[in-house]
């Protein structure tokens, strides 16, 4: 076991207790969806933005609100539509004729947790309004820069499958700002039965008090940053991301031909951060290769660009990712 962790026993135990509280709270509001639970917790602990994809009605909004309520954070929900304007998100300036002065009106983006519901139903111009907020944690209104919440600022965006009508594909620059992308599947028949049972009991609509504060969540995030990552694990991460850019060297030619674009250095950075979260969620203060592997789809599926031939031949990102990861030696 590594001996280079700088986490105190008190901080580590606090984080484990906090994670257990968040899990219990989430599971009282959302039935099933264990993969979604892990993805949300890992990204939030790593202080990263999340992109959720599924058909409507699979608890994406409920899950986002549950995480916000669990820590008592300020929550904003923005319903994206084709006529949504950038000023509807970040805010604008209003001129008061009686005073001759402009007043800055802040938009809903000024919150701890911002839910962009059906983000790919808004235009590219509106989608780009979030770039500065997500990357620099600031927005510019009327030439003046305003900082976002300093402690916790998380964007949770939901999108419908791009095959649906009335959607606008997110650009590479936009999707790269999301730390992870999680795809949500239908619940099982037993889980759906449990949903009906809880609904009849009023459990799903019951308002529960927060189990953590924003300051306590910030403490967990700070603890995650100190999780020990050996140099060999760092090299493992960089080798995986590098292999996405040279697919002809990492996989068979019949698969390599489908890769149009590889992952950026931001993928490497986010891989390291999310691996630390995965280790903390597993009760460890150090990262192992399985932490990296467990997050491979979430980190890479929205960063590897496939050709039109891949769509025509029914080749998805997961197949490419598996081929790449399997080609990299495990430390």
C-alpha atoms as a PDB file:
ATOM      1  CA  UNK A   1       0.000   0.000   0.000  1.00  0.00           C
ATOM      2  CA  UNK A   2       1.376   3.433  -0.917  1.00  0.00           C
ATOM      3  CA  UNK A   3       2.740   5.492   1.938  1.00  0.00           C
ATOM      4  CA  UNK A   4       2.729   8.903   0.233  1.00  0.00           C
ATOM      5  CA  UNK A   5      -0.835   9.984   0.921  1.00  0.00           C
ATOM      6  CA  UNK A   6      -1.051  13.411   2.552  1.00  0.00           C
ATOM      7  CA  UNK A   7      -4.634  12.971   3.752  1.00  0.00           C
ATOM      8  CA  UNK A   8      -5.175  13.052   7.492  1.00  0.00           C
ATOM      9  CA  UNK A   9      -7.151  10.218   9.034  1.00  0.00           C
ATOM     10  CA  UNK A  10      -9.762  12.747  10.193  1.00  0.00           C
ATOM     11  CA  UNK A  11     -10.309  14.167   6.689  1.00  0.00           C
ATOM     12  CA  UNK A  12     -10.435  10.708   5.131  1.00  0.00           C
ATOM     13  CA  UNK A  13     -13.031   9.441   7.609  1.00  0.00           C
ATOM     14  CA  UNK A  14     -15.052  12.649   7.216  1.00  0.00           C
ATOM     15  CA  UNK A  15     -15.110  12.126   3.450  1.00  0.00           C
ATOM     16  CA  UNK A  16     -16.226   8.511   3.784  1.00  0.00           C
ATOM     17  CA  UNK A  17     -19.060   9.515   6.119  1.00  0.00           C
ATOM     18  CA  UNK A  18     -20.070  12.343   3.783  1.00  0.00           C
ATOM     19  CA  UNK A  19     -20.141  10.027   0.757  1.00  0.00           C
ATOM     20  CA  UNK A  20     -22.305   7.528   2.655  1.00  0.00           C
ATOM     21  CA  UNK A  21     -24.758  10.317   3.527  1.00  0.00           C
ATOM     22  CA  UNK A  22     -24.915  11.482  -0.103  1.00  0.00           C
ATOM     23  CA  UNK A  23     -25.548   7.939  -1.320  1.00  0.00           C
ATOM     24  CA  UNK A  24     -28.393   7.387   1.150  1.00  0.00           C
ATOM     25  CA  UNK A  25     -29.995  10.720   0.268  1.00  0.00           C
ATOM     26  CA  UNK A  26     -29.748  10.051  -3.469  1.00  0.00           C
ATOM     27  CA  UNK A  27     -31.256   6.589  -3.115  1.00  0.00           C
ATOM     28  CA  UNK A  28     -34.294   7.952  -1.258  1.00  0.00           C
ATOM     29  CA  UNK A  29     -35.077  10.170  -4.277  1.00  0.00           C
ATOM     30  CA  UNK A  30     -33.949   8.025  -7.218  1.00  0.00           C
ATOM     31  CA  UNK A  31     -34.769   4.332  -7.646  1.00  0.00           C
ATOM     32  CA  UNK A  32     -32.023   2.215  -9.176  1.00  0.00           C
ATOM     33  CA  UNK A  33     -29.661   4.052 -11.563  1.00  0.00           C
ATOM     34  CA  UNK A  34     -26.528   2.974  -9.668  1.00  0.00           C
ATOM     35  CA  UNK A  35     -24.269   3.953 -12.561  1.00  0.00           C
ATOM     36  CA  UNK A  36     -25.812   7.424 -12.609  1.00  0.00           C
ATOM     37  CA  UNK A  37     -25.319   7.713  -8.851  1.00  0.00           C
ATOM     38  CA  UNK A  38     -21.633   6.825  -9.126  1.00  0.00           C
ATOM     39  CA  UNK A  39     -21.109   9.150 -12.083  1.00  0.00           C
ATOM     40  CA  UNK A  40     -22.702  12.139 -10.360  1.00  0.00           C
ATOM     41  CA  UNK A  41     -20.875  11.606  -7.077  1.00  0.00           C
ATOM     42  CA  UNK A  42     -17.519  11.067  -8.789  1.00  0.00           C
ATOM     43  CA  UNK A  43     -17.828  14.182 -10.944  1.00  0.00           C
ATOM     44  CA  UNK A  44     -19.049  16.412  -8.129  1.00  0.00           C
ATOM     45  CA  UNK A  45     -16.279  15.251  -5.794  1.00  0.00           C
ATOM     46  CA  UNK A  46     -13.810  15.980  -8.619  1.00  0.00           C
ATOM     47  CA  UNK A  47     -15.433  19.409  -9.110  1.00  0.00           C
ATOM     48  CA  UNK A  48     -16.335  18.660 -12.724  1.00  0.00           C
ATOM     49  CA  UNK A  49     -19.304  19.272 -14.997  1.00  0.00           C
ATOM     50  CA  UNK A  50     -21.572  16.418 -16.096  1.00  0.00           C
ATOM     51  CA  UNK A  51     -23.363  15.634 -19.362  1.00  0.00           C
ATOM     52  CA  UNK A  52     -26.257  13.168 -19.091  1.00  0.00           C
ATOM     53  CA  UNK A  53     -27.806  11.541 -22.144  1.00  0.00           C
ATOM     54  CA  UNK A  54     -30.977   9.493 -22.443  1.00  0.00           C
ATOM     55  CA  UNK A  55     -34.477   9.600 -23.782  1.00  0.00           C
ATOM     56  CA  UNK A  56     -36.855  11.787 -21.730  1.00  0.00           C
ATOM     57  CA  UNK A  57     -38.284  10.545 -18.449  1.00  0.00           C
ATOM     58  CA  UNK A  58     -35.367   8.620 -16.941  1.00  0.00           C
ATOM     59  CA  UNK A  59     -34.871  10.754 -13.808  1.00  0.00           C
ATOM     60  CA  UNK A  60     -32.044  12.968 -15.087  1.00  0.00           C
ATOM     61  CA  UNK A  61     -33.610  16.131 -13.668  1.00  0.00           C
ATOM     62  CA  UNK A  62     -34.642  14.353 -10.464  1.00  0.00           C
ATOM     63  CA  UNK A  63     -31.098  13.088  -9.936  1.00  0.00           C
ATOM     64  CA  UNK A  64     -29.566  16.533 -10.468  1.00  0.00           C
ATOM     65  CA  UNK A  65     -32.000  18.133  -8.030  1.00  0.00           C
ATOM     66  CA  UNK A  66     -31.393  15.374  -5.470  1.00  0.00           C
ATOM     67  CA  UNK A  67     -27.639  16.046  -5.418  1.00  0.00           C
ATOM     68  CA  UNK A  68     -28.209  19.782  -5.017  1.00  0.00           C
ATOM     69  CA  UNK A  69     -30.767  19.300  -2.240  1.00  0.00           C
ATOM     70  CA  UNK A  70     -28.446  16.892  -0.437  1.00  0.00           C
ATOM     71  CA  UNK A  71     -25.899  19.667   0.175  1.00  0.00           C
ATOM     72  CA  UNK A  72     -28.327  22.572   0.475  1.00  0.00           C
ATOM     73  CA  UNK A  73     -26.829  24.312  -2.562  1.00  0.00           C
ATOM     74  CA  UNK A  74     -28.418  27.033  -4.647  1.00  0.00           C
ATOM     75  CA  UNK A  75     -30.061  25.298  -7.604  1.00  0.00           C
ATOM     76  CA  UNK A  76     -31.080  26.738 -10.970  1.00  0.00           C
ATOM     77  CA  UNK A  77     -32.892  24.940 -13.762  1.00  0.00           C
ATOM     78  CA  UNK A  78     -32.732  26.249 -17.307  1.00  0.00           C
ATOM     79  CA  UNK A  79     -35.058  24.673 -19.860  1.00  0.00           C
ATOM     80  CA  UNK A  80     -33.244  24.922 -23.181  1.00  0.00           C
ATOM     81  CA  UNK A  81     -35.348  25.739 -26.242  1.00  0.00           C
ATOM     82  CA  UNK A  82     -34.447  26.939 -29.762  1.00  0.00           C
ATOM     83  CA  UNK A  83     -35.405  30.533 -28.887  1.00  0.00           C
ATOM     84  CA  UNK A  84     -33.374  30.669 -25.642  1.00  0.00           C
ATOM     85  CA  UNK A  85     -30.878  33.560 -25.697  1.00  0.00           C
ATOM     86  CA  UNK A  86     -27.430  33.790 -24.046  1.00  0.00           C
ATOM     87  CA  UNK A  87     -28.693  36.656 -21.879  1.00  0.00           C
ATOM     88  CA  UNK A  88     -31.416  34.334 -20.549  1.00  0.00           C
ATOM     89  CA  UNK A  89     -28.599  32.262 -19.034  1.00  0.00           C
ATOM     90  CA  UNK A  90     -25.816  34.611 -17.946  1.00  0.00           C
ATOM     91  CA  UNK A  91     -27.819  37.813 -17.432  1.00  0.00           C
ATOM     92  CA  UNK A  92     -27.976  41.249 -19.005  1.00  0.00           C
ATOM     93  CA  UNK A  93     -27.951  44.991 -18.353  1.00  0.00           C
ATOM     94  CA  UNK A  94     -31.140  47.019 -18.104  1.00  0.00           C
ATOM     95  CA  UNK A  95     -31.157  50.783 -18.645  1.00  0.00           C
ATOM     96  CA  UNK A  96     -33.241  52.835 -16.195  1.00  0.00           C
ATOM     97  CA  UNK A  97     -34.305  56.049 -17.901  1.00  0.00           C
ATOM     98  CA  UNK A  98     -35.186  57.831 -14.655  1.00  0.00           C
ATOM     99  CA  UNK A  99     -31.694  57.398 -13.243  1.00  0.00           C
ATOM    100  CA  UNK A 100     -29.739  57.282 -16.488  1.00  0.00           C
ATOM    101  CA  UNK A 101     -27.858  54.214 -15.278  1.00  0.00           C
ATOM    102  CA  UNK A 102     -27.565  50.568 -16.254  1.00  0.00           C
ATOM    103  CA  UNK A 103     -28.447  47.826 -13.782  1.00  0.00           C
ATOM    104  CA  UNK A 104     -26.856  44.384 -14.094  1.00  0.00           C
ATOM    105  CA  UNK A 105     -29.356  41.555 -13.764  1.00  0.00           C
ATOM    106  CA  UNK A 106     -27.678  38.209 -13.107  1.00  0.00           C
ATOM    107  CA  UNK A 107     -29.013  35.138 -14.852  1.00  0.00           C
ATOM    108  CA  UNK A 108     -29.767  31.693 -13.411  1.00  0.00           C
ATOM    109  CA  UNK A 109     -26.188  30.555 -14.068  1.00  0.00           C
ATOM    110  CA  UNK A 110     -25.195  32.167 -10.773  1.00  0.00           C
ATOM    111  CA  UNK A 111     -25.860  29.144  -8.592  1.00  0.00           C
ATOM    112  CA  UNK A 112     -23.958  26.231  -7.053  1.00  0.00           C
ATOM    113  CA  UNK A 113     -25.708  23.689  -9.275  1.00  0.00           C
ATOM    114  CA  UNK A 114     -27.003  24.657 -12.706  1.00  0.00           C
ATOM    115  CA  UNK A 115     -29.183  22.200 -14.611  1.00  0.00           C
ATOM    116  CA  UNK A 116     -29.235  22.777 -18.380  1.00  0.00           C
ATOM    117  CA  UNK A 117     -32.200  20.647 -19.327  1.00  0.00           C
ATOM    118  CA  UNK A 118     -32.133  19.349 -22.929  1.00  0.00           C
ATOM    119  CA  UNK A 119     -29.059  21.439 -23.722  1.00  0.00           C
ATOM    120  CA  UNK A 120     -28.940  20.237 -27.311  1.00  0.00           C
ATOM    121  CA  UNK A 121     -32.331  21.804 -28.033  1.00  0.00           C
ATOM    122  CA  UNK A 122     -30.778  25.271 -27.738  1.00  0.00           C
ATOM    123  CA  UNK A 123     -28.887  26.954 -30.559  1.00  0.00           C
ATOM    124  CA  UNK A 124     -25.106  26.891 -30.877  1.00  0.00           C
ATOM    125  CA  UNK A 125     -24.951  30.576 -29.894  1.00  0.00           C
ATOM    126  CA  UNK A 126     -26.775  29.881 -26.654  1.00  0.00           C
ATOM    127  CA  UNK A 127     -24.727  26.764 -25.923  1.00  0.00           C
ATOM    128  CA  UNK A 128     -21.526  28.804 -26.295  1.00  0.00           C
ATOM    129  CA  UNK A 129     -22.717  31.220 -23.599  1.00  0.00           C
ATOM    130  CA  UNK A 130     -21.779  28.567 -21.032  1.00  0.00           C
ATOM    131  CA  UNK A 131     -18.175  28.079 -22.209  1.00  0.00           C
ATOM    132  CA  UNK A 132     -16.667  30.898 -20.141  1.00  0.00           C
ATOM    133  CA  UNK A 133     -18.710  29.984 -17.071  1.00  0.00           C
ATOM    134  CA  UNK A 134     -17.755  26.309 -17.225  1.00  0.00           C
ATOM    135  CA  UNK A 135     -14.060  26.796 -17.891  1.00  0.00           C
ATOM    136  CA  UNK A 136     -13.103  30.016 -16.097  1.00  0.00           C
ATOM    137  CA  UNK A 137     -16.004  30.092 -13.588  1.00  0.00           C
ATOM    138  CA  UNK A 138     -16.849  33.628 -14.636  1.00  0.00           C
ATOM    139  CA  UNK A 139     -19.139  35.436 -17.076  1.00  0.00           C
ATOM    140  CA  UNK A 140     -18.886  38.754 -18.873  1.00  0.00           C
ATOM    141  CA  UNK A 141     -21.898  41.067 -18.930  1.00  0.00           C
ATOM    142  CA  UNK A 142     -21.610  44.475 -20.555  1.00  0.00           C
ATOM    143  CA  UNK A 143     -17.840  44.218 -20.657  1.00  0.00           C
ATOM    144  CA  UNK A 144     -17.566  43.532 -16.913  1.00  0.00           C
ATOM    145  CA  UNK A 145     -16.432  40.155 -15.585  1.00  0.00           C
ATOM    146  CA  UNK A 146     -18.308  38.549 -12.705  1.00  0.00           C
ATOM    147  CA  UNK A 147     -17.092  35.509 -10.790  1.00  0.00           C
ATOM    148  CA  UNK A 148     -19.236  32.429 -10.214  1.00  0.00           C
ATOM    149  CA  UNK A 149     -19.660  30.905  -6.722  1.00  0.00           C
ATOM    150  CA  UNK A 150     -16.143  30.334  -5.399  1.00  0.00           C
ATOM    151  CA  UNK A 151     -16.800  27.173  -3.410  1.00  0.00           C
ATOM    152  CA  UNK A 152     -18.878  24.842  -5.591  1.00  0.00           C
ATOM    153  CA  UNK A 153     -20.065  25.477  -9.158  1.00  0.00           C
ATOM    154  CA  UNK A 154     -21.274  22.436 -11.096  1.00  0.00           C
ATOM    155  CA  UNK A 155     -23.105  22.359 -14.435  1.00  0.00           C
ATOM    156  CA  UNK A 156     -25.278  19.314 -15.031  1.00  0.00           C
ATOM    157  CA  UNK A 157     -26.543  19.228 -18.606  1.00  0.00           C
ATOM    158  CA  UNK A 158     -29.020  16.751 -20.013  1.00  0.00           C
ATOM    159  CA  UNK A 159     -29.480  15.947 -23.660  1.00  0.00           C
ATOM    160  CA  UNK A 160     -31.648  13.757 -25.818  1.00  0.00           C
ATOM    161  CA  UNK A 161     -30.077  11.330 -28.290  1.00  0.00           C
ATOM    162  CA  UNK A 162     -28.972  13.312 -31.302  1.00  0.00           C
ATOM    163  CA  UNK A 163     -31.137  11.192 -33.591  1.00  0.00           C
ATOM    164  CA  UNK A 164     -34.225  12.932 -32.231  1.00  0.00           C
ATOM    165  CA  UNK A 165     -35.701  15.799 -34.231  1.00  0.00           C
ATOM    166  CA  UNK A 166     -35.146  19.396 -33.166  1.00  0.00           C
ATOM    167  CA  UNK A 167     -31.703  18.883 -31.625  1.00  0.00           C
ATOM    168  CA  UNK A 168     -28.432  20.719 -32.275  1.00  0.00           C
ATOM    169  CA  UNK A 169     -25.201  18.725 -31.873  1.00  0.00           C
ATOM    170  CA  UNK A 170     -22.858  20.105 -29.221  1.00  0.00           C
ATOM    171  CA  UNK A 171     -19.526  21.267 -30.608  1.00  0.00           C
ATOM    172  CA  UNK A 172     -16.275  19.552 -29.626  1.00  0.00           C
ATOM    173  CA  UNK A 173     -15.265  22.653 -27.662  1.00  0.00           C
ATOM    174  CA  UNK A 174     -18.503  22.483 -25.690  1.00  0.00           C
ATOM    175  CA  UNK A 175     -18.499  18.771 -24.936  1.00  0.00           C
ATOM    176  CA  UNK A 176     -14.832  18.868 -23.916  1.00  0.00           C
ATOM    177  CA  UNK A 177     -15.762  21.178 -21.023  1.00  0.00           C
ATOM    178  CA  UNK A 178     -17.804  18.389 -19.464  1.00  0.00           C
ATOM    179  CA  UNK A 179     -15.654  16.191 -17.261  1.00  0.00           C
ATOM    180  CA  UNK A 180     -17.793  13.132 -17.917  1.00  0.00           C
ATOM    181  CA  UNK A 181     -20.651  11.968 -20.096  1.00  0.00           C
ATOM    182  CA  UNK A 182     -23.036   9.376 -18.689  1.00  0.00           C
ATOM    183  CA  UNK A 183     -25.610   7.464 -20.716  1.00  0.00           C
ATOM    184  CA  UNK A 184     -28.712   6.419 -18.814  1.00  0.00           C
ATOM    185  CA  UNK A 185     -30.698   3.290 -19.607  1.00  0.00           C
ATOM    186  CA  UNK A 186     -34.238   2.217 -18.785  1.00  0.00           C
ATOM    187  CA  UNK A 187     -34.931   0.874 -15.288  1.00  0.00           C
ATOM    188  CA  UNK A 188     -35.716  -2.800 -14.798  1.00  0.00           C
ATOM    189  CA  UNK A 189     -39.289  -3.991 -14.247  1.00  0.00           C
ATOM    190  CA  UNK A 190     -38.596  -4.457 -10.526  1.00  0.00           C
ATOM    191  CA  UNK A 191     -37.183  -0.943 -10.239  1.00  0.00           C
ATOM    192  CA  UNK A 192     -40.228   0.493 -11.998  1.00  0.00           C
ATOM    193  CA  UNK A 193     -42.467  -1.377  -9.578  1.00  0.00           C
ATOM    194  CA  UNK A 194     -40.477   0.157  -6.706  1.00  0.00           C
ATOM    195  CA  UNK A 195     -41.037   3.607  -8.236  1.00  0.00           C
ATOM    196  CA  UNK A 196     -44.802   3.059  -8.150  1.00  0.00           C
ATOM    197  CA  UNK A 197     -44.631   1.801  -4.561  1.00  0.00           C
ATOM    198  CA  UNK A 198     -42.674   4.827  -3.373  1.00  0.00           C
ATOM    199  CA  UNK A 199     -44.956   7.160  -5.312  1.00  0.00           C
ATOM    200  CA  UNK A 200     -48.030   5.741  -3.573  1.00  0.00           C
ATOM    201  CA  UNK A 201     -46.265   6.180  -0.224  1.00  0.00           C
ATOM    202  CA  UNK A 202     -45.348   9.777  -1.066  1.00  0.00           C
ATOM    203  CA  UNK A 203     -41.663   9.019  -0.579  1.00  0.00           C
ATOM    204  CA  UNK A 204     -40.530  10.468  -3.908  1.00  0.00           C
ATOM    205  CA  UNK A 205     -42.127  13.862  -3.279  1.00  0.00           C
ATOM    206  CA  UNK A 206     -41.160  14.134   0.392  1.00  0.00           C
ATOM    207  CA  UNK A 207     -38.788  17.029   1.085  1.00  0.00           C
ATOM    208  CA  UNK A 208     -35.807  15.890   3.125  1.00  0.00           C
ATOM    209  CA  UNK A 209     -33.361  18.277   4.832  1.00  0.00           C
ATOM    210  CA  UNK A 210     -29.800  18.513   3.485  1.00  0.00           C
ATOM    211  CA  UNK A 211     -27.284  16.015   4.843  1.00  0.00           C
ATOM    212  CA  UNK A 212     -24.221  18.164   4.071  1.00  0.00           C
ATOM    213  CA  UNK A 213     -23.386  21.815   3.606  1.00  0.00           C
ATOM    214  CA  UNK A 214     -21.612  23.402   0.657  1.00  0.00           C
ATOM    215  CA  UNK A 215     -18.585  23.947   2.901  1.00  0.00           C
ATOM    216  CA  UNK A 216     -18.525  20.248   3.822  1.00  0.00           C
ATOM    217  CA  UNK A 217     -18.751  19.249   0.153  1.00  0.00           C
ATOM    218  CA  UNK A 218     -15.848  21.593  -0.530  1.00  0.00           C
ATOM    219  CA  UNK A 219     -13.892  19.783   2.198  1.00  0.00           C
ATOM    220  CA  UNK A 220     -14.532  16.432   0.481  1.00  0.00           C
ATOM    221  CA  UNK A 221     -13.367  17.929  -2.832  1.00  0.00           C
ATOM    222  CA  UNK A 222     -10.170  19.164  -1.191  1.00  0.00           C
ATOM    223  CA  UNK A 223      -9.585  15.703   0.276  1.00  0.00           C
ATOM    224  CA  UNK A 224     -10.005  14.100  -3.157  1.00  0.00           C
ATOM    225  CA  UNK A 225      -7.314  16.365  -4.575  1.00  0.00           C
ATOM    226  CA  UNK A 226      -4.821  14.798  -2.127  1.00  0.00           C
ATOM    227  CA  UNK A 227      -5.483  11.192  -3.160  1.00  0.00           C
ATOM    228  CA  UNK A 228      -2.124   9.640  -4.014  1.00  0.00           C
ATOM    229  CA  UNK A 229      -1.518   8.774  -7.664  1.00  0.00           C
ATOM    230  CA  UNK A 230       1.657   6.862  -8.442  1.00  0.00           C
ATOM    231  CA  UNK A 231       3.791   7.943 -11.384  1.00  0.00           C
ATOM    232  CA  UNK A 232       3.038   4.645 -13.134  1.00  0.00           C
ATOM    233  CA  UNK A 233      -0.695   5.356 -12.941  1.00  0.00           C
ATOM    234  CA  UNK A 234      -0.158   8.844 -14.358  1.00  0.00           C
ATOM    235  CA  UNK A 235       1.781   7.327 -17.252  1.00  0.00           C
ATOM    236  CA  UNK A 236      -1.002   4.761 -17.734  1.00  0.00           C
ATOM    237  CA  UNK A 237      -3.516   7.597 -18.109  1.00  0.00           C
ATOM    238  CA  UNK A 238      -1.372   9.557 -20.554  1.00  0.00           C
ATOM    239  CA  UNK A 239      -0.725   6.416 -22.616  1.00  0.00           C
ATOM    240  CA  UNK A 240      -4.464   5.734 -22.921  1.00  0.00           C
ATOM    241  CA  UNK A 241      -5.272   9.280 -24.018  1.00  0.00           C
ATOM    242  CA  UNK A 242      -2.296   9.364 -26.375  1.00  0.00           C
ATOM    243  CA  UNK A 243      -3.484   6.124 -27.984  1.00  0.00           C
ATOM    244  CA  UNK A 244      -6.767   7.798 -28.970  1.00  0.00           C
ATOM    245  CA  UNK A 245      -4.747  10.128 -31.214  1.00  0.00           C
ATOM    246  CA  UNK A 246      -2.838   7.312 -32.925  1.00  0.00           C
ATOM    247  CA  UNK A 247      -5.531   4.646 -33.330  1.00  0.00           C
ATOM    248  CA  UNK A 248      -3.673   2.946 -36.179  1.00  0.00           C
ATOM    249  CA  UNK A 249      -0.985   1.974 -33.664  1.00  0.00           C
ATOM    250  CA  UNK A 250      -3.375   0.967 -30.886  1.00  0.00           C
ATOM    251  CA  UNK A 251      -5.960  -1.204 -32.621  1.00  0.00           C
ATOM    252  CA  UNK A 252      -6.739  -3.230 -35.683  1.00  0.00           C
ATOM    253  CA  UNK A 253      -6.988  -1.277 -38.966  1.00  0.00           C
ATOM    254  CA  UNK A 254     -10.652  -2.201 -39.379  1.00  0.00           C
ATOM    255  CA  UNK A 255     -11.454  -0.283 -36.171  1.00  0.00           C
ATOM    256  CA  UNK A 256      -8.809   2.434 -36.446  1.00  0.00           C
ATOM    257  CA  UNK A 257     -10.365   3.741 -39.659  1.00  0.00           C
ATOM    258  CA  UNK A 258     -13.468   4.827 -37.743  1.00  0.00           C
ATOM    259  CA  UNK A 259     -11.627   7.277 -35.439  1.00  0.00           C
ATOM    260  CA  UNK A 260     -11.805  10.840 -36.740  1.00  0.00           C
ATOM    261  CA  UNK A 261     -10.421  12.765 -33.772  1.00  0.00           C
ATOM    262  CA  UNK A 262      -8.713  11.810 -30.502  1.00  0.00           C
ATOM    263  CA  UNK A 263      -8.998  13.161 -26.966  1.00  0.00           C
ATOM    264  CA  UNK A 264      -7.429  16.451 -25.890  1.00  0.00           C
ATOM    265  CA  UNK A 265      -5.069  17.059 -22.928  1.00  0.00           C
ATOM    266  CA  UNK A 266      -8.158  18.082 -20.983  1.00  0.00           C
ATOM    267  CA  UNK A 267      -9.119  14.402 -21.063  1.00  0.00           C
ATOM    268  CA  UNK A 268      -5.824  13.519 -19.379  1.00  0.00           C
ATOM    269  CA  UNK A 269      -6.373  16.086 -16.639  1.00  0.00           C
ATOM    270  CA  UNK A 270      -9.952  14.990 -16.055  1.00  0.00           C
ATOM    271  CA  UNK A 271      -8.924  11.318 -16.083  1.00  0.00           C
ATOM    272  CA  UNK A 272      -6.564  12.003 -13.189  1.00  0.00           C
ATOM    273  CA  UNK A 273      -9.184  13.949 -11.231  1.00  0.00           C
ATOM    274  CA  UNK A 274     -11.979  11.435 -11.738  1.00  0.00           C
ATOM    275  CA  UNK A 275      -9.665   8.520 -10.869  1.00  0.00           C
ATOM    276  CA  UNK A 276      -9.013  10.188  -7.519  1.00  0.00           C
ATOM    277  CA  UNK A 277     -12.766  10.451  -6.967  1.00  0.00           C
ATOM    278  CA  UNK A 278     -13.224   6.798  -7.880  1.00  0.00           C
ATOM    279  CA  UNK A 279     -10.585   5.817  -5.334  1.00  0.00           C
ATOM    280  CA  UNK A 280     -12.263   7.880  -2.609  1.00  0.00           C
ATOM    281  CA  UNK A 281     -15.659   6.382  -3.478  1.00  0.00           C
ATOM    282  CA  UNK A 282     -14.069   2.945  -3.094  1.00  0.00           C
ATOM    283  CA  UNK A 283     -12.682   3.800   0.342  1.00  0.00           C
ATOM    284  CA  UNK A 284      -9.037   4.220  -0.646  1.00  0.00           C
ATOM    285  CA  UNK A 285      -6.576   7.100  -0.379  1.00  0.00           C
ATOM    286  CA  UNK A 286      -4.634   5.969  -3.441  1.00  0.00           C
ATOM    287  CA  UNK A 287      -5.498   5.230  -7.081  1.00  0.00           C
ATOM    288  CA  UNK A 288      -5.232   1.799  -8.701  1.00  0.00           C
ATOM    289  CA  UNK A 289      -5.545   0.928 -12.434  1.00  0.00           C
ATOM    290  CA  UNK A 290      -9.143  -0.260 -11.948  1.00  0.00           C
ATOM    291  CA  UNK A 291     -10.122   3.293 -10.927  1.00  0.00           C
ATOM    292  CA  UNK A 292      -8.919   4.494 -14.309  1.00  0.00           C
ATOM    293  CA  UNK A 293     -10.598   1.651 -16.198  1.00  0.00           C
ATOM    294  CA  UNK A 294     -13.923   2.140 -14.421  1.00  0.00           C
ATOM    295  CA  UNK A 295     -14.138   5.714 -15.685  1.00  0.00           C
ATOM    296  CA  UNK A 296     -12.880   5.132 -19.234  1.00  0.00           C
ATOM    297  CA  UNK A 297     -16.269   5.422 -20.965  1.00  0.00           C
ATOM    298  CA  UNK A 298     -17.332   8.462 -18.986  1.00  0.00           C
ATOM    299  CA  UNK A 299     -14.149  10.366 -19.767  1.00  0.00           C
ATOM    300  CA  UNK A 300     -13.638   9.368 -23.399  1.00  0.00           C
ATOM    301  CA  UNK A 301     -17.026   8.678 -25.004  1.00  0.00           C
ATOM    302  CA  UNK A 302     -17.656  12.388 -25.743  1.00  0.00           C
ATOM    303  CA  UNK A 303     -14.053  13.175 -26.644  1.00  0.00           C
ATOM    304  CA  UNK A 304     -13.403  10.572 -29.337  1.00  0.00           C
ATOM    305  CA  UNK A 305     -14.882  11.663 -32.650  1.00  0.00           C
ATOM    306  CA  UNK A 306     -16.064   8.900 -34.960  1.00  0.00           C
ATOM    307  CA  UNK A 307     -16.514   9.081 -38.706  1.00  0.00           C
ATOM    308  CA  UNK A 308     -19.794   8.749 -40.563  1.00  0.00           C
ATOM    309  CA  UNK A 309     -18.651   5.264 -41.560  1.00  0.00           C
ATOM    310  CA  UNK A 310     -18.746   4.252 -37.896  1.00  0.00           C
ATOM    311  CA  UNK A 311     -22.384   5.318 -37.644  1.00  0.00           C
ATOM    312  CA  UNK A 312     -23.231   3.464 -40.848  1.00  0.00           C
ATOM    313  CA  UNK A 313     -21.472   0.309 -39.611  1.00  0.00           C
ATOM    314  CA  UNK A 314     -22.985   0.538 -36.107  1.00  0.00           C
ATOM    315  CA  UNK A 315     -19.629   1.009 -34.375  1.00  0.00           C
ATOM    316  CA  UNK A 316     -19.944   2.996 -31.143  1.00  0.00           C
ATOM    317  CA  UNK A 317     -17.479   4.844 -28.921  1.00  0.00           C
ATOM    318  CA  UNK A 318     -17.430   2.075 -26.318  1.00  0.00           C
ATOM    319  CA  UNK A 319     -16.036  -0.440 -28.811  1.00  0.00           C
ATOM    320  CA  UNK A 320     -13.252   1.953 -29.774  1.00  0.00           C
ATOM    321  CA  UNK A 321     -12.484   2.813 -26.148  1.00  0.00           C
ATOM    322  CA  UNK A 322     -12.242  -0.844 -25.143  1.00  0.00           C
ATOM    323  CA  UNK A 323      -9.875  -1.548 -28.031  1.00  0.00           C
ATOM    324  CA  UNK A 324      -7.673   1.374 -27.042  1.00  0.00           C
ATOM    325  CA  UNK A 325      -7.588   0.613 -23.306  1.00  0.00           C
ATOM    326  CA  UNK A 326      -6.912  -3.067 -23.935  1.00  0.00           C
ATOM    327  CA  UNK A 327      -3.909  -2.108 -26.068  1.00  0.00           C
ATOM    328  CA  UNK A 328      -2.219  -0.182 -23.236  1.00  0.00           C
ATOM    329  CA  UNK A 329      -0.183  -2.233 -20.725  1.00  0.00           C
ATOM    330  CA  UNK A 330      -1.544  -2.087 -17.172  1.00  0.00           C
ATOM    331  CA  UNK A 331       1.041  -0.988 -14.550  1.00  0.00           C
END
